[in-house]
């Protein structure tokens, strides 16, 4: 039997309870992205960066900087068709574990109708690597293809960090969501992929000591009018992160990224970035895209769940170590 107790409440208590109830029944939009400060734009909420616009301009488009409306419509139709075709036979016959059912590639081009996210150089392509960087990338990619130990794997395969969390935050094929929490002292980006959390400091004007290297870099933000400008240095590539599959190659010591966040309207974020790394690239490069506000949620990313390949690799590595140890004892 359930016993319910009755309590007398004062008028003050009833008023307090009414205020609490009202706070919980506010419209969802008001709860999800209320103003963080009175002086700056409100970025709070969940945003999605998926787009049908490629990072680099496809070779067949060559010097074409923008689609015509007709070309854009045809491109988006093909992107939507690809999303509807799961191709289970392809996934079963190749090394890939995913098919199109898992992908979150966008089906809409950027509103600017650009043919690439890269805006500079004018050809819409990431600049060539320096000779030294190209040689280092080839060495790292060879390790990724034929890893002998777990440390030969890239950081995303080890589920340590993923390129979508690192500046510049370039769209990937799935898990393209970001949650922004904004205060007067920092801006937090909760990244859906591997649940990384990137903190942009607004109360600091200088970077950490060069001896301090962070997976996501050291990000310092400042407001220029209604635009949040973020300067990031002090990267740590972990001996392979920027050469990892799906990631951008660069050097951890000299990589410098400047990002600019601004609202085009209440539901559209413009995201622009500039990359400068004289050790890795023959020239600086820039890009821009838009994020769309989402009423969805950030879901758990259980990166290592069912990751039997990594377990098998570690088992093989331990077996090799034991064999070497036994040989030395003989």
C-alpha atoms as a PDB file:
ATOM      1  CA  UNK A   1       0.000   0.000   0.000  1.00  0.00           C
ATOM      2  CA  UNK A   2       1.279   3.449  -0.886  1.00  0.00           C
ATOM      3  CA  UNK A   3       0.946   6.055   1.863  1.00  0.00           C
ATOM      4  CA  UNK A   4       0.780   9.680   0.742  1.00  0.00           C
ATOM      5  CA  UNK A   5       1.515  12.411   3.260  1.00  0.00           C
ATOM      6  CA  UNK A   6      -0.072  15.792   3.007  1.00  0.00           C
ATOM      7  CA  UNK A   7       1.970  18.878   3.889  1.00  0.00           C
ATOM      8  CA  UNK A   8       0.751  22.397   4.397  1.00  0.00           C
ATOM      9  CA  UNK A   9       2.758  24.886   2.364  1.00  0.00           C
ATOM     10  CA  UNK A  10       3.129  28.574   3.003  1.00  0.00           C
ATOM     11  CA  UNK A  11       2.318  31.118   0.308  1.00  0.00           C
ATOM     12  CA  UNK A  12       6.036  31.665  -0.183  1.00  0.00           C
ATOM     13  CA  UNK A  13       6.637  27.957  -0.716  1.00  0.00           C
ATOM     14  CA  UNK A  14       3.791  27.750  -3.230  1.00  0.00           C
ATOM     15  CA  UNK A  15       5.205  30.702  -5.152  1.00  0.00           C
ATOM     16  CA  UNK A  16       8.678  29.111  -5.208  1.00  0.00           C
ATOM     17  CA  UNK A  17       7.249  25.834  -6.509  1.00  0.00           C
ATOM     18  CA  UNK A  18       5.306  27.676  -9.208  1.00  0.00           C
ATOM     19  CA  UNK A  19       8.476  29.389 -10.391  1.00  0.00           C
ATOM     20  CA  UNK A  20      10.318  26.055 -10.499  1.00  0.00           C
ATOM     21  CA  UNK A  21       7.518  24.454 -12.543  1.00  0.00           C
ATOM     22  CA  UNK A  22       7.472  27.360 -14.972  1.00  0.00           C
ATOM     23  CA  UNK A  23      11.230  27.045 -15.439  1.00  0.00           C
ATOM     24  CA  UNK A  24      10.806  23.406 -16.478  1.00  0.00           C
ATOM     25  CA  UNK A  25       7.957  23.998 -18.916  1.00  0.00           C
ATOM     26  CA  UNK A  26       9.631  26.737 -20.912  1.00  0.00           C
ATOM     27  CA  UNK A  27       9.725  26.063 -24.671  1.00  0.00           C
ATOM     28  CA  UNK A  28      12.542  23.660 -25.623  1.00  0.00           C
ATOM     29  CA  UNK A  29      14.199  26.265 -27.816  1.00  0.00           C
ATOM     30  CA  UNK A  30      14.456  28.682 -24.903  1.00  0.00           C
ATOM     31  CA  UNK A  31      16.013  26.007 -22.698  1.00  0.00           C
ATOM     32  CA  UNK A  32      18.533  24.757 -25.250  1.00  0.00           C
ATOM     33  CA  UNK A  33      20.079  28.034 -26.287  1.00  0.00           C
ATOM     34  CA  UNK A  34      19.295  30.861 -23.943  1.00  0.00           C
ATOM     35  CA  UNK A  35      21.669  33.862 -23.963  1.00  0.00           C
ATOM     36  CA  UNK A  36      24.997  33.020 -22.352  1.00  0.00           C
ATOM     37  CA  UNK A  37      25.970  36.650 -21.860  1.00  0.00           C
ATOM     38  CA  UNK A  38      24.313  39.951 -22.530  1.00  0.00           C
ATOM     39  CA  UNK A  39      27.116  41.283 -24.735  1.00  0.00           C
ATOM     40  CA  UNK A  40      27.828  38.513 -27.245  1.00  0.00           C
ATOM     41  CA  UNK A  41      25.875  36.320 -29.674  1.00  0.00           C
ATOM     42  CA  UNK A  42      24.292  33.149 -28.340  1.00  0.00           C
ATOM     43  CA  UNK A  43      26.058  30.075 -29.781  1.00  0.00           C
ATOM     44  CA  UNK A  44      24.656  27.606 -27.262  1.00  0.00           C
ATOM     45  CA  UNK A  45      22.931  24.503 -28.551  1.00  0.00           C
ATOM     46  CA  UNK A  46      23.636  21.535 -30.797  1.00  0.00           C
ATOM     47  CA  UNK A  47      25.021  22.064 -34.287  1.00  0.00           C
ATOM     48  CA  UNK A  48      25.574  19.768 -37.269  1.00  0.00           C
ATOM     49  CA  UNK A  49      28.363  20.253 -39.818  1.00  0.00           C
ATOM     50  CA  UNK A  50      27.392  17.597 -42.405  1.00  0.00           C
ATOM     51  CA  UNK A  51      27.409  18.903 -45.980  1.00  0.00           C
ATOM     52  CA  UNK A  52      27.473  17.629 -49.550  1.00  0.00           C
ATOM     53  CA  UNK A  53      30.174  20.194 -50.351  1.00  0.00           C
ATOM     54  CA  UNK A  54      33.530  18.408 -50.614  1.00  0.00           C
ATOM     55  CA  UNK A  55      36.550  19.570 -48.641  1.00  0.00           C
ATOM     56  CA  UNK A  56      38.625  19.885 -51.828  1.00  0.00           C
ATOM     57  CA  UNK A  57      37.328  20.805 -55.275  1.00  0.00           C
ATOM     58  CA  UNK A  58      36.860  17.648 -57.387  1.00  0.00           C
ATOM     59  CA  UNK A  59      39.203  17.336 -60.349  1.00  0.00           C
ATOM     60  CA  UNK A  60      36.321  17.381 -62.849  1.00  0.00           C
ATOM     61  CA  UNK A  61      35.285  20.857 -61.632  1.00  0.00           C
ATOM     62  CA  UNK A  62      38.814  22.225 -62.016  1.00  0.00           C
ATOM     63  CA  UNK A  63      38.696  26.059 -61.919  1.00  0.00           C
ATOM     64  CA  UNK A  64      34.959  26.265 -61.232  1.00  0.00           C
ATOM     65  CA  UNK A  65      34.544  28.050 -57.892  1.00  0.00           C
ATOM     66  CA  UNK A  66      30.740  27.955 -57.668  1.00  0.00           C
ATOM     67  CA  UNK A  67      27.977  25.646 -58.890  1.00  0.00           C
ATOM     68  CA  UNK A  68      25.183  27.061 -60.994  1.00  0.00           C
ATOM     69  CA  UNK A  69      21.724  26.483 -59.439  1.00  0.00           C
ATOM     70  CA  UNK A  70      21.098  23.709 -61.981  1.00  0.00           C
ATOM     71  CA  UNK A  71      24.439  22.026 -61.244  1.00  0.00           C
ATOM     72  CA  UNK A  72      23.806  22.343 -57.512  1.00  0.00           C
ATOM     73  CA  UNK A  73      20.401  20.651 -57.801  1.00  0.00           C
ATOM     74  CA  UNK A  74      21.916  17.757 -59.776  1.00  0.00           C
ATOM     75  CA  UNK A  75      24.776  17.384 -57.259  1.00  0.00           C
ATOM     76  CA  UNK A  76      22.349  17.273 -54.329  1.00  0.00           C
ATOM     77  CA  UNK A  77      20.141  14.688 -56.076  1.00  0.00           C
ATOM     78  CA  UNK A  78      23.152  12.407 -56.487  1.00  0.00           C
ATOM     79  CA  UNK A  79      24.156  12.955 -52.840  1.00  0.00           C
ATOM     80  CA  UNK A  80      20.639  12.046 -51.678  1.00  0.00           C
ATOM     81  CA  UNK A  81      20.618   8.937 -53.891  1.00  0.00           C
ATOM     82  CA  UNK A  82      23.895   7.753 -52.382  1.00  0.00           C
ATOM     83  CA  UNK A  83      22.371   8.037 -48.906  1.00  0.00           C
ATOM     84  CA  UNK A  84      19.464   5.805 -49.954  1.00  0.00           C
ATOM     85  CA  UNK A  85      21.649   2.989 -51.310  1.00  0.00           C
ATOM     86  CA  UNK A  86      23.062   0.924 -48.401  1.00  0.00           C
ATOM     87  CA  UNK A  87      25.293  -1.243 -50.676  1.00  0.00           C
ATOM     88  CA  UNK A  88      25.612  -4.144 -48.204  1.00  0.00           C
ATOM     89  CA  UNK A  89      27.393  -6.262 -50.815  1.00  0.00           C
ATOM     90  CA  UNK A  90      30.220  -3.699 -51.120  1.00  0.00           C
ATOM     91  CA  UNK A  91      30.823  -3.596 -47.375  1.00  0.00           C
ATOM     92  CA  UNK A  92      30.865  -7.380 -47.201  1.00  0.00           C
ATOM     93  CA  UNK A  93      33.452  -7.733 -49.969  1.00  0.00           C
ATOM     94  CA  UNK A  94      35.910  -5.102 -48.804  1.00  0.00           C
ATOM     95  CA  UNK A  95      37.834  -4.309 -45.631  1.00  0.00           C
ATOM     96  CA  UNK A  96      35.263  -1.671 -44.700  1.00  0.00           C
ATOM     97  CA  UNK A  97      32.990  -2.430 -41.757  1.00  0.00           C
ATOM     98  CA  UNK A  98      30.452   0.297 -42.585  1.00  0.00           C
ATOM     99  CA  UNK A  99      27.974   0.755 -45.379  1.00  0.00           C
ATOM    100  CA  UNK A 100      25.899   3.790 -46.311  1.00  0.00           C
ATOM    101  CA  UNK A 101      23.356   2.981 -43.615  1.00  0.00           C
ATOM    102  CA  UNK A 102      25.886   4.230 -41.053  1.00  0.00           C
ATOM    103  CA  UNK A 103      27.012   7.316 -42.950  1.00  0.00           C
ATOM    104  CA  UNK A 104      25.889  10.852 -42.158  1.00  0.00           C
ATOM    105  CA  UNK A 105      27.203  12.587 -45.227  1.00  0.00           C
ATOM    106  CA  UNK A 106      25.201  15.706 -46.005  1.00  0.00           C
ATOM    107  CA  UNK A 107      22.822  15.907 -48.928  1.00  0.00           C
ATOM    108  CA  UNK A 108      22.778  19.706 -49.227  1.00  0.00           C
ATOM    109  CA  UNK A 109      25.498  22.001 -50.537  1.00  0.00           C
ATOM    110  CA  UNK A 110      26.582  25.108 -48.678  1.00  0.00           C
ATOM    111  CA  UNK A 111      24.242  28.017 -49.391  1.00  0.00           C
ATOM    112  CA  UNK A 112      27.109  29.820 -51.121  1.00  0.00           C
ATOM    113  CA  UNK A 113      27.136  26.975 -53.722  1.00  0.00           C
ATOM    114  CA  UNK A 114      30.925  26.764 -53.471  1.00  0.00           C
ATOM    115  CA  UNK A 115      32.432  23.687 -55.089  1.00  0.00           C
ATOM    116  CA  UNK A 116      34.770  23.127 -52.121  1.00  0.00           C
ATOM    117  CA  UNK A 117      35.113  23.982 -48.449  1.00  0.00           C
ATOM    118  CA  UNK A 118      38.652  25.173 -49.235  1.00  0.00           C
ATOM    119  CA  UNK A 119      38.468  28.813 -50.358  1.00  0.00           C
ATOM    120  CA  UNK A 120      42.178  29.580 -50.675  1.00  0.00           C
ATOM    121  CA  UNK A 121      44.269  28.588 -52.660  1.00  0.00           C
ATOM    122  CA  UNK A 122      41.997  29.540 -55.568  1.00  0.00           C
ATOM    123  CA  UNK A 123      42.046  25.986 -56.964  1.00  0.00           C
ATOM    124  CA  UNK A 124      40.110  24.803 -53.902  1.00  0.00           C
ATOM    125  CA  UNK A 125      42.769  22.238 -52.955  1.00  0.00           C
ATOM    126  CA  UNK A 126      44.926  21.794 -49.844  1.00  0.00           C
ATOM    127  CA  UNK A 127      48.447  22.989 -50.757  1.00  0.00           C
ATOM    128  CA  UNK A 128      51.199  20.496 -51.467  1.00  0.00           C
ATOM    129  CA  UNK A 129      53.269  19.186 -48.581  1.00  0.00           C
ATOM    130  CA  UNK A 130      56.886  20.176 -48.213  1.00  0.00           C
ATOM    131  CA  UNK A 131      59.331  17.409 -49.287  1.00  0.00           C
ATOM    132  CA  UNK A 132      60.168  16.576 -45.665  1.00  0.00           C
ATOM    133  CA  UNK A 133      56.501  16.421 -44.657  1.00  0.00           C
ATOM    134  CA  UNK A 134      55.614  14.281 -47.680  1.00  0.00           C
ATOM    135  CA  UNK A 135      58.316  11.774 -46.751  1.00  0.00           C
ATOM    136  CA  UNK A 136      57.103  11.675 -43.147  1.00  0.00           C
ATOM    137  CA  UNK A 137      53.501  11.184 -44.251  1.00  0.00           C
ATOM    138  CA  UNK A 138      54.492   8.268 -46.490  1.00  0.00           C
ATOM    139  CA  UNK A 139      56.326   6.668 -43.570  1.00  0.00           C
ATOM    140  CA  UNK A 140      53.344   7.033 -41.278  1.00  0.00           C
ATOM    141  CA  UNK A 141      50.845   5.786 -43.852  1.00  0.00           C
ATOM    142  CA  UNK A 142      52.989   2.713 -44.385  1.00  0.00           C
ATOM    143  CA  UNK A 143      52.769   1.996 -40.654  1.00  0.00           C
ATOM    144  CA  UNK A 144      48.993   2.404 -40.795  1.00  0.00           C
ATOM    145  CA  UNK A 145      48.751  -0.074 -43.654  1.00  0.00           C
ATOM    146  CA  UNK A 146      50.999  -2.664 -42.019  1.00  0.00           C
ATOM    147  CA  UNK A 147      51.040  -2.023 -38.242  1.00  0.00           C
ATOM    148  CA  UNK A 148      53.402  -4.172 -36.202  1.00  0.00           C
ATOM    149  CA  UNK A 149      52.392  -2.821 -32.796  1.00  0.00           C
ATOM    150  CA  UNK A 150      49.432  -0.908 -31.362  1.00  0.00           C
ATOM    151  CA  UNK A 151      51.483   2.296 -31.354  1.00  0.00           C
ATOM    152  CA  UNK A 152      51.774   2.055 -35.141  1.00  0.00           C
ATOM    153  CA  UNK A 153      48.057   2.742 -35.353  1.00  0.00           C
ATOM    154  CA  UNK A 154      46.723   6.262 -35.686  1.00  0.00           C
ATOM    155  CA  UNK A 155      45.129   7.902 -32.671  1.00  0.00           C
ATOM    156  CA  UNK A 156      41.608   7.557 -34.038  1.00  0.00           C
ATOM    157  CA  UNK A 157      42.105   3.781 -34.400  1.00  0.00           C
ATOM    158  CA  UNK A 158      43.274   3.760 -30.790  1.00  0.00           C
ATOM    159  CA  UNK A 159      40.145   5.738 -29.851  1.00  0.00           C
ATOM    160  CA  UNK A 160      42.238   8.508 -28.279  1.00  0.00           C
ATOM    161  CA  UNK A 161      41.192  11.499 -30.383  1.00  0.00           C
ATOM    162  CA  UNK A 162      39.515  12.134 -33.744  1.00  0.00           C
ATOM    163  CA  UNK A 163      40.191  14.787 -36.420  1.00  0.00           C
ATOM    164  CA  UNK A 164      36.685  16.291 -36.156  1.00  0.00           C
ATOM    165  CA  UNK A 165      37.579  17.626 -32.695  1.00  0.00           C
ATOM    166  CA  UNK A 166      40.875  19.231 -33.735  1.00  0.00           C
ATOM    167  CA  UNK A 167      41.096  22.635 -35.385  1.00  0.00           C
ATOM    168  CA  UNK A 168      40.220  22.972 -38.194  1.00  0.00           C
ATOM    169  CA  UNK A 169      37.057  20.965 -37.492  1.00  0.00           C
ATOM    170  CA  UNK A 170      36.487  19.436 -40.912  1.00  0.00           C
ATOM    171  CA  UNK A 171      33.280  17.404 -41.530  1.00  0.00           C
ATOM    172  CA  UNK A 172      33.553  13.628 -41.552  1.00  0.00           C
ATOM    173  CA  UNK A 173      31.261  10.883 -42.897  1.00  0.00           C
ATOM    174  CA  UNK A 174      29.260  10.456 -39.670  1.00  0.00           C
ATOM    175  CA  UNK A 175      28.808  11.804 -36.107  1.00  0.00           C
ATOM    176  CA  UNK A 176      28.901  15.409 -37.283  1.00  0.00           C
ATOM    177  CA  UNK A 177      27.334  16.964 -34.187  1.00  0.00           C
ATOM    178  CA  UNK A 178      28.752  19.526 -31.771  1.00  0.00           C
ATOM    179  CA  UNK A 179      27.231  20.833 -28.543  1.00  0.00           C
ATOM    180  CA  UNK A 180      28.292  24.351 -27.566  1.00  0.00           C
ATOM    181  CA  UNK A 181      28.144  25.580 -23.973  1.00  0.00           C
ATOM    182  CA  UNK A 182      29.057  29.246 -23.567  1.00  0.00           C
ATOM    183  CA  UNK A 183      30.033  31.321 -20.531  1.00  0.00           C
ATOM    184  CA  UNK A 184      31.832  34.595 -20.014  1.00  0.00           C
ATOM    185  CA  UNK A 185      35.129  32.773 -19.443  1.00  0.00           C
ATOM    186  CA  UNK A 186      35.131  29.913 -21.935  1.00  0.00           C
ATOM    187  CA  UNK A 187      33.314  28.209 -24.792  1.00  0.00           C
ATOM    188  CA  UNK A 188      33.026  24.422 -24.605  1.00  0.00           C
ATOM    189  CA  UNK A 189      32.576  22.235 -27.673  1.00  0.00           C
ATOM    190  CA  UNK A 190      31.361  18.735 -26.870  1.00  0.00           C
ATOM    191  CA  UNK A 191      32.242  16.694 -29.962  1.00  0.00           C
ATOM    192  CA  UNK A 192      30.034  13.696 -30.726  1.00  0.00           C
ATOM    193  CA  UNK A 193      32.916  11.675 -32.216  1.00  0.00           C
ATOM    194  CA  UNK A 194      34.710   9.888 -29.335  1.00  0.00           C
ATOM    195  CA  UNK A 195      33.115  12.412 -26.946  1.00  0.00           C
ATOM    196  CA  UNK A 196      36.049  14.810 -27.005  1.00  0.00           C
ATOM    197  CA  UNK A 197      35.548  18.081 -25.161  1.00  0.00           C
ATOM    198  CA  UNK A 198      37.374  21.100 -26.493  1.00  0.00           C
ATOM    199  CA  UNK A 199      37.698  24.172 -24.250  1.00  0.00           C
ATOM    200  CA  UNK A 200      38.250  27.633 -25.765  1.00  0.00           C
ATOM    201  CA  UNK A 201      39.605  30.000 -23.108  1.00  0.00           C
ATOM    202  CA  UNK A 202      38.265  33.550 -23.207  1.00  0.00           C
ATOM    203  CA  UNK A 203      40.090  34.756 -20.092  1.00  0.00           C
ATOM    204  CA  UNK A 204      43.658  34.161 -21.276  1.00  0.00           C
ATOM    205  CA  UNK A 205      45.650  36.185 -23.834  1.00  0.00           C
ATOM    206  CA  UNK A 206      48.789  34.070 -24.220  1.00  0.00           C
ATOM    207  CA  UNK A 207      49.344  30.422 -25.060  1.00  0.00           C
ATOM    208  CA  UNK A 208      50.767  27.816 -22.730  1.00  0.00           C
ATOM    209  CA  UNK A 209      54.482  27.078 -22.685  1.00  0.00           C
ATOM    210  CA  UNK A 210      55.671  25.421 -25.937  1.00  0.00           C
ATOM    211  CA  UNK A 211      56.677  22.433 -23.809  1.00  0.00           C
ATOM    212  CA  UNK A 212      52.967  21.732 -23.135  1.00  0.00           C
ATOM    213  CA  UNK A 213      51.421  19.779 -26.030  1.00  0.00           C
ATOM    214  CA  UNK A 214      47.721  18.899 -26.049  1.00  0.00           C
ATOM    215  CA  UNK A 215      45.716  16.500 -28.233  1.00  0.00           C
ATOM    216  CA  UNK A 216      43.297  19.290 -29.204  1.00  0.00           C
ATOM    217  CA  UNK A 217      45.835  22.102 -28.961  1.00  0.00           C
ATOM    218  CA  UNK A 218      45.650  25.180 -26.740  1.00  0.00           C
ATOM    219  CA  UNK A 219      42.725  27.373 -27.876  1.00  0.00           C
ATOM    220  CA  UNK A 220      42.385  31.039 -26.892  1.00  0.00           C
ATOM    221  CA  UNK A 221      39.304  32.979 -27.941  1.00  0.00           C
ATOM    222  CA  UNK A 222      38.459  36.663 -28.254  1.00  0.00           C
ATOM    223  CA  UNK A 223      35.443  38.572 -29.528  1.00  0.00           C
ATOM    224  CA  UNK A 224      35.715  40.836 -32.554  1.00  0.00           C
ATOM    225  CA  UNK A 225      32.274  42.373 -32.621  1.00  0.00           C
ATOM    226  CA  UNK A 226      29.837  39.482 -33.099  1.00  0.00           C
ATOM    227  CA  UNK A 227      32.547  37.056 -34.257  1.00  0.00           C
ATOM    228  CA  UNK A 228      34.392  34.670 -31.950  1.00  0.00           C
ATOM    229  CA  UNK A 229      38.025  34.426 -33.113  1.00  0.00           C
ATOM    230  CA  UNK A 230      39.910  31.360 -31.836  1.00  0.00           C
ATOM    231  CA  UNK A 231      43.691  31.001 -32.013  1.00  0.00           C
ATOM    232  CA  UNK A 232      45.070  27.460 -31.499  1.00  0.00           C
ATOM    233  CA  UNK A 233      48.661  26.228 -31.153  1.00  0.00           C
ATOM    234  CA  UNK A 234      50.532  23.685 -28.940  1.00  0.00           C
ATOM    235  CA  UNK A 235      49.246  20.619 -30.795  1.00  0.00           C
ATOM    236  CA  UNK A 236      50.400  17.087 -30.047  1.00  0.00           C
ATOM    237  CA  UNK A 237      50.132  14.714 -32.992  1.00  0.00           C
ATOM    238  CA  UNK A 238      51.066  11.651 -30.952  1.00  0.00           C
ATOM    239  CA  UNK A 239      53.472  10.371 -33.578  1.00  0.00           C
ATOM    240  CA  UNK A 240      50.785   9.799 -36.163  1.00  0.00           C
ATOM    241  CA  UNK A 241      47.559  11.705 -35.562  1.00  0.00           C
ATOM    242  CA  UNK A 242      47.697  14.142 -38.452  1.00  0.00           C
ATOM    243  CA  UNK A 243      48.733  11.371 -40.809  1.00  0.00           C
ATOM    244  CA  UNK A 244      45.844   9.154 -39.711  1.00  0.00           C
ATOM    245  CA  UNK A 245      43.225   8.028 -42.208  1.00  0.00           C
ATOM    246  CA  UNK A 246      40.535  10.686 -42.457  1.00  0.00           C
ATOM    247  CA  UNK A 247      42.707  13.294 -40.756  1.00  0.00           C
ATOM    248  CA  UNK A 248      44.707  16.267 -41.915  1.00  0.00           C
ATOM    249  CA  UNK A 249      48.441  15.867 -42.091  1.00  0.00           C
ATOM    250  CA  UNK A 250      50.519  18.517 -40.348  1.00  0.00           C
ATOM    251  CA  UNK A 251      53.314  19.050 -37.860  1.00  0.00           C
ATOM    252  CA  UNK A 252      52.462  19.294 -34.184  1.00  0.00           C
ATOM    253  CA  UNK A 253      55.167  21.844 -33.369  1.00  0.00           C
ATOM    254  CA  UNK A 254      54.383  24.507 -35.957  1.00  0.00           C
ATOM    255  CA  UNK A 255      50.699  24.008 -36.760  1.00  0.00           C
ATOM    256  CA  UNK A 256      48.755  27.247 -36.147  1.00  0.00           C
ATOM    257  CA  UNK A 257      45.009  27.488 -36.775  1.00  0.00           C
ATOM    258  CA  UNK A 258      42.748  30.540 -36.561  1.00  0.00           C
ATOM    259  CA  UNK A 259      38.979  29.937 -36.551  1.00  0.00           C
ATOM    260  CA  UNK A 260      36.073  32.381 -36.784  1.00  0.00           C
ATOM    261  CA  UNK A 261      32.563  31.582 -35.544  1.00  0.00           C
ATOM    262  CA  UNK A 262      29.649  33.898 -36.374  1.00  0.00           C
ATOM    263  CA  UNK A 263      25.876  33.605 -36.745  1.00  0.00           C
ATOM    264  CA  UNK A 264      24.364  34.183 -40.172  1.00  0.00           C
ATOM    265  CA  UNK A 265      20.933  33.762 -38.581  1.00  0.00           C
ATOM    266  CA  UNK A 266      19.546  32.113 -35.435  1.00  0.00           C
ATOM    267  CA  UNK A 267      19.960  28.617 -36.901  1.00  0.00           C
ATOM    268  CA  UNK A 268      23.051  28.976 -39.110  1.00  0.00           C
ATOM    269  CA  UNK A 269      26.635  29.240 -37.889  1.00  0.00           C
ATOM    270  CA  UNK A 270      29.385  30.348 -40.258  1.00  0.00           C
ATOM    271  CA  UNK A 271      32.656  28.577 -39.519  1.00  0.00           C
ATOM    272  CA  UNK A 272      35.834  29.882 -41.185  1.00  0.00           C
ATOM    273  CA  UNK A 273      39.389  28.731 -40.621  1.00  0.00           C
ATOM    274  CA  UNK A 274      42.980  29.513 -41.612  1.00  0.00           C
ATOM    275  CA  UNK A 275      45.785  26.948 -41.418  1.00  0.00           C
ATOM    276  CA  UNK A 276      49.440  27.938 -41.312  1.00  0.00           C
ATOM    277  CA  UNK A 277      52.140  25.291 -40.934  1.00  0.00           C
ATOM    278  CA  UNK A 278      55.361  26.112 -42.821  1.00  0.00           C
ATOM    279  CA  UNK A 279      56.883  22.797 -41.770  1.00  0.00           C
ATOM    280  CA  UNK A 280      54.121  20.791 -43.434  1.00  0.00           C
ATOM    281  CA  UNK A 281      52.577  22.934 -46.197  1.00  0.00           C
ATOM    282  CA  UNK A 282      54.084  24.969 -49.000  1.00  0.00           C
ATOM    283  CA  UNK A 283      51.667  27.820 -48.217  1.00  0.00           C
ATOM    284  CA  UNK A 284      48.844  28.716 -45.792  1.00  0.00           C
ATOM    285  CA  UNK A 285      45.273  27.733 -46.691  1.00  0.00           C
ATOM    286  CA  UNK A 286      41.725  28.700 -45.744  1.00  0.00           C
ATOM    287  CA  UNK A 287      38.222  27.301 -45.774  1.00  0.00           C
ATOM    288  CA  UNK A 288      34.663  27.967 -44.703  1.00  0.00           C
ATOM    289  CA  UNK A 289      31.410  26.107 -44.184  1.00  0.00           C
ATOM    290  CA  UNK A 290      28.161  26.498 -42.293  1.00  0.00           C
ATOM    291  CA  UNK A 291      26.767  24.532 -39.359  1.00  0.00           C
ATOM    292  CA  UNK A 292      23.024  24.052 -38.882  1.00  0.00           C
ATOM    293  CA  UNK A 293      21.333  24.222 -35.511  1.00  0.00           C
ATOM    294  CA  UNK A 294      19.810  20.880 -34.559  1.00  0.00           C
ATOM    295  CA  UNK A 295      17.041  19.996 -32.128  1.00  0.00           C
ATOM    296  CA  UNK A 296      18.546  16.507 -31.789  1.00  0.00           C
ATOM    297  CA  UNK A 297      20.930  15.219 -29.145  1.00  0.00           C
ATOM    298  CA  UNK A 298      24.559  14.166 -28.761  1.00  0.00           C
ATOM    299  CA  UNK A 299      24.651  10.366 -28.629  1.00  0.00           C
ATOM    300  CA  UNK A 300      27.200   8.121 -26.963  1.00  0.00           C
ATOM    301  CA  UNK A 301      30.147   7.053 -29.109  1.00  0.00           C
ATOM    302  CA  UNK A 302      31.390   3.706 -27.754  1.00  0.00           C
ATOM    303  CA  UNK A 303      34.580   3.668 -29.766  1.00  0.00           C
ATOM    304  CA  UNK A 304      36.173   0.469 -28.424  1.00  0.00           C
ATOM    305  CA  UNK A 305      32.962  -1.557 -28.192  1.00  0.00           C
ATOM    306  CA  UNK A 306      33.408  -4.656 -30.363  1.00  0.00           C
ATOM    307  CA  UNK A 307      36.856  -3.510 -31.497  1.00  0.00           C
ATOM    308  CA  UNK A 308      38.219  -7.054 -31.751  1.00  0.00           C
ATOM    309  CA  UNK A 309      40.869  -6.108 -34.304  1.00  0.00           C
ATOM    310  CA  UNK A 310      42.718  -4.000 -31.731  1.00  0.00           C
ATOM    311  CA  UNK A 311      42.471  -6.815 -29.174  1.00  0.00           C
ATOM    312  CA  UNK A 312      43.898  -9.272 -31.697  1.00  0.00           C
ATOM    313  CA  UNK A 313      46.720  -6.866 -32.539  1.00  0.00           C
ATOM    314  CA  UNK A 314      47.613  -6.480 -28.865  1.00  0.00           C
ATOM    315  CA  UNK A 315      47.491 -10.258 -28.370  1.00  0.00           C
ATOM    316  CA  UNK A 316      49.870 -10.663 -31.305  1.00  0.00           C
ATOM    317  CA  UNK A 317      52.176  -8.007 -29.896  1.00  0.00           C
ATOM    318  CA  UNK A 318      52.289  -9.734 -26.501  1.00  0.00           C
ATOM    319  CA  UNK A 319      53.005 -13.071 -28.200  1.00  0.00           C
ATOM    320  CA  UNK A 320      55.874 -11.494 -30.128  1.00  0.00           C
ATOM    321  CA  UNK A 321      57.295  -9.993 -26.936  1.00  0.00           C
ATOM    322  CA  UNK A 322      57.139 -13.367 -25.188  1.00  0.00           C
ATOM    323  CA  UNK A 323      58.854 -15.041 -28.124  1.00  0.00           C
ATOM    324  CA  UNK A 324      61.646 -12.476 -28.100  1.00  0.00           C
ATOM    325  CA  UNK A 325      62.021 -12.826 -24.344  1.00  0.00           C
ATOM    326  CA  UNK A 326      62.262 -16.628 -24.635  1.00  0.00           C
ATOM    327  CA  UNK A 327      64.906 -16.302 -27.353  1.00  0.00           C
ATOM    328  CA  UNK A 328      67.050 -14.032 -25.158  1.00  0.00           C
ATOM    329  CA  UNK A 329      66.935 -16.516 -22.286  1.00  0.00           C
ATOM    330  CA  UNK A 330      68.304 -19.315 -24.436  1.00  0.00           C
END
